[in-house]
Protein backbone atom coordinates (compact mmCIF):
# COMPACT_ATOMS: atom_id res chain seq x y z
CA MET A 1 62.34 -11.15 -69.61
CA LYS A 2 59.77 -12.42 -67.12
CA PRO A 3 56.87 -10.12 -66.26
CA ARG A 4 57.19 -8.91 -62.65
CA ILE A 5 53.95 -9.18 -60.68
CA LEU A 6 53.52 -7.59 -57.27
CA LEU A 7 51.06 -9.57 -55.15
CA VAL A 8 49.61 -7.56 -52.26
CA GLU A 9 47.89 -10.13 -50.07
CA ASP A 10 47.73 -10.86 -46.34
CA ASN A 11 46.49 -14.48 -46.49
CA ASP A 12 49.41 -16.95 -46.61
CA SER A 13 47.39 -19.65 -48.42
CA ASN A 14 46.41 -17.20 -51.16
CA VAL A 15 50.03 -16.01 -51.44
CA TYR A 16 51.22 -19.60 -51.87
CA LEU A 17 48.59 -20.41 -54.53
CA VAL A 18 49.00 -17.20 -56.54
CA ARG A 19 52.80 -17.43 -56.43
CA PHE A 20 52.64 -21.05 -57.63
CA LEU A 21 50.23 -20.29 -60.48
CA LEU A 22 52.04 -17.19 -61.73
CA GLU A 23 55.55 -18.62 -61.43
CA ARG A 24 54.40 -21.76 -63.28
CA ALA A 25 53.18 -19.42 -66.04
CA GLY A 26 56.64 -17.82 -66.29
CA MET A 27 56.15 -14.71 -64.18
CA GLU A 28 58.26 -13.37 -61.32
CA VAL A 29 56.24 -12.72 -58.15
CA LEU A 30 57.05 -10.10 -55.52
CA HIS A 31 54.98 -10.00 -52.32
CA ALA A 32 53.73 -7.34 -49.91
CA ALA A 33 51.55 -8.21 -46.91
CA ASN A 34 49.38 -5.07 -46.82
CA GLY A 35 48.48 -1.99 -48.84
CA GLN A 36 51.09 0.24 -47.23
CA GLU A 37 53.89 -2.23 -48.08
CA GLY A 38 52.35 -2.66 -51.53
CA VAL A 39 52.45 1.05 -52.32
CA ALA A 40 56.09 1.29 -51.19
CA MET A 41 57.10 -1.81 -53.18
CA ALA A 42 55.26 -0.67 -56.30
CA GLN A 43 57.24 2.56 -56.18
CA SER A 44 60.63 0.96 -55.44
CA GLU A 45 60.40 -2.27 -57.47
CA GLN A 46 58.45 -0.98 -60.49
CA PRO A 47 56.54 -4.21 -61.26
CA ASP A 48 54.68 -4.72 -64.53
CA LEU A 49 51.36 -5.31 -62.75
CA VAL A 50 49.85 -5.48 -59.25
CA VAL A 51 47.35 -8.08 -58.02
CA MET A 52 45.88 -6.73 -54.79
CA ASP A 53 43.49 -8.01 -52.15
CA LEU A 54 40.93 -5.42 -51.08
CA GLN A 55 40.55 -6.27 -47.38
CA MET A 56 43.90 -6.10 -45.55
CA PRO A 57 45.29 -4.76 -42.30
CA VAL A 58 47.20 -1.44 -42.09
CA MET A 59 45.89 -0.12 -45.46
CA ASP A 60 43.17 -1.70 -47.60
CA GLY A 61 43.39 -2.20 -51.34
CA TYR A 62 41.07 0.70 -52.16
CA GLU A 63 43.28 3.25 -50.42
CA ALA A 64 46.45 1.68 -51.86
CA ALA A 65 44.99 1.87 -55.38
CA ARG A 66 44.05 5.53 -54.93
CA LEU A 67 47.59 6.35 -53.77
CA LEU A 68 49.19 4.46 -56.68
CA LYS A 69 46.92 6.15 -59.24
CA ALA A 70 47.60 9.60 -57.73
CA ASN A 71 51.39 9.19 -58.04
CA PRO A 72 52.75 10.00 -61.54
CA ALA A 73 55.41 7.30 -61.12
CA THR A 74 52.80 4.54 -60.68
CA SER A 75 49.65 6.02 -62.24
CA ASP A 76 49.90 3.84 -65.38
CA LEU A 77 50.56 0.62 -63.45
CA PRO A 78 47.83 -1.97 -64.14
CA LEU A 79 46.07 -2.97 -60.92
CA ILE A 80 43.90 -6.06 -60.53
CA ALA A 81 41.65 -6.33 -57.47
CA SER A 82 41.23 -9.77 -55.94
CA SER A 83 38.48 -10.22 -53.38
CA ALA A 84 35.97 -12.63 -51.89
CA TYR A 85 33.44 -9.80 -52.13
CA ALA A 86 31.88 -10.72 -55.46
CA GLN A 87 28.74 -8.62 -55.80
CA PRO A 88 28.49 -6.33 -58.86
CA HIS A 89 28.74 -3.20 -56.68
CA ASP A 90 31.98 -4.56 -55.15
CA GLU A 91 33.58 -4.82 -58.58
CA GLN A 92 32.40 -1.30 -59.48
CA LYS A 93 33.80 0.09 -56.22
CA ALA A 94 37.19 -1.42 -57.11
CA LEU A 95 37.09 -0.01 -60.65
CA ASP A 96 36.13 3.41 -59.24
CA ALA A 97 39.18 3.27 -56.92
CA GLY A 98 41.47 2.85 -59.94
CA PHE A 99 41.70 -0.89 -60.51
CA SER A 100 41.93 -2.07 -64.13
CA GLY A 101 40.21 -5.37 -63.41
CA TYR A 102 38.64 -7.58 -60.77
CA ILE A 103 39.04 -11.28 -59.98
CA ALA A 104 36.61 -12.79 -57.48
CA LYS A 105 37.89 -15.30 -54.91
CA PRO A 106 37.92 -18.19 -54.98
CA PHE A 107 39.32 -17.85 -58.49
CA GLU A 108 39.68 -20.55 -61.10
CA PRO A 109 43.29 -21.84 -60.92
CA ASP A 110 43.23 -23.02 -64.55
CA THR A 111 42.59 -19.53 -65.92
CA PHE A 112 44.06 -17.23 -63.25
CA ALA A 113 47.47 -16.72 -64.90
CA GLU A 114 45.84 -16.11 -68.30
CA ILE A 115 43.61 -13.42 -66.82
CA VAL A 116 46.57 -11.73 -65.11
CA ARG A 117 48.60 -11.90 -68.35
CA SER A 118 45.74 -10.24 -70.26
CA TYR A 119 46.23 -7.06 -68.18
CA LEU A 120 49.97 -6.76 -68.83
CA ARG A 121 50.95 -3.79 -71.00
């Protein structure tokens, strides 16, 4: 069975690239365009992992992560932050919000799927 990855990302180019990389690595990719959609989809679709941008319209990744971690139905769901903000304090802020890991953009296409796979339960 293919791992189901929920990508929460508002940039179409990033959606295209991540979908391509993860599907090529044998994963199924679901997509939400903002944090609010991402929280709803995580609850309804029960993916194996979420890769989430931090800066999005409607609801940012920090707030979405806090909501997912506060809900018993999604509290154990691995969350990976993906952001162009790549300073050490940015990564710590994401981890403090409940993310399991952090991938700085632009990411390395050759290793992206491996990194995502390493966070699967």
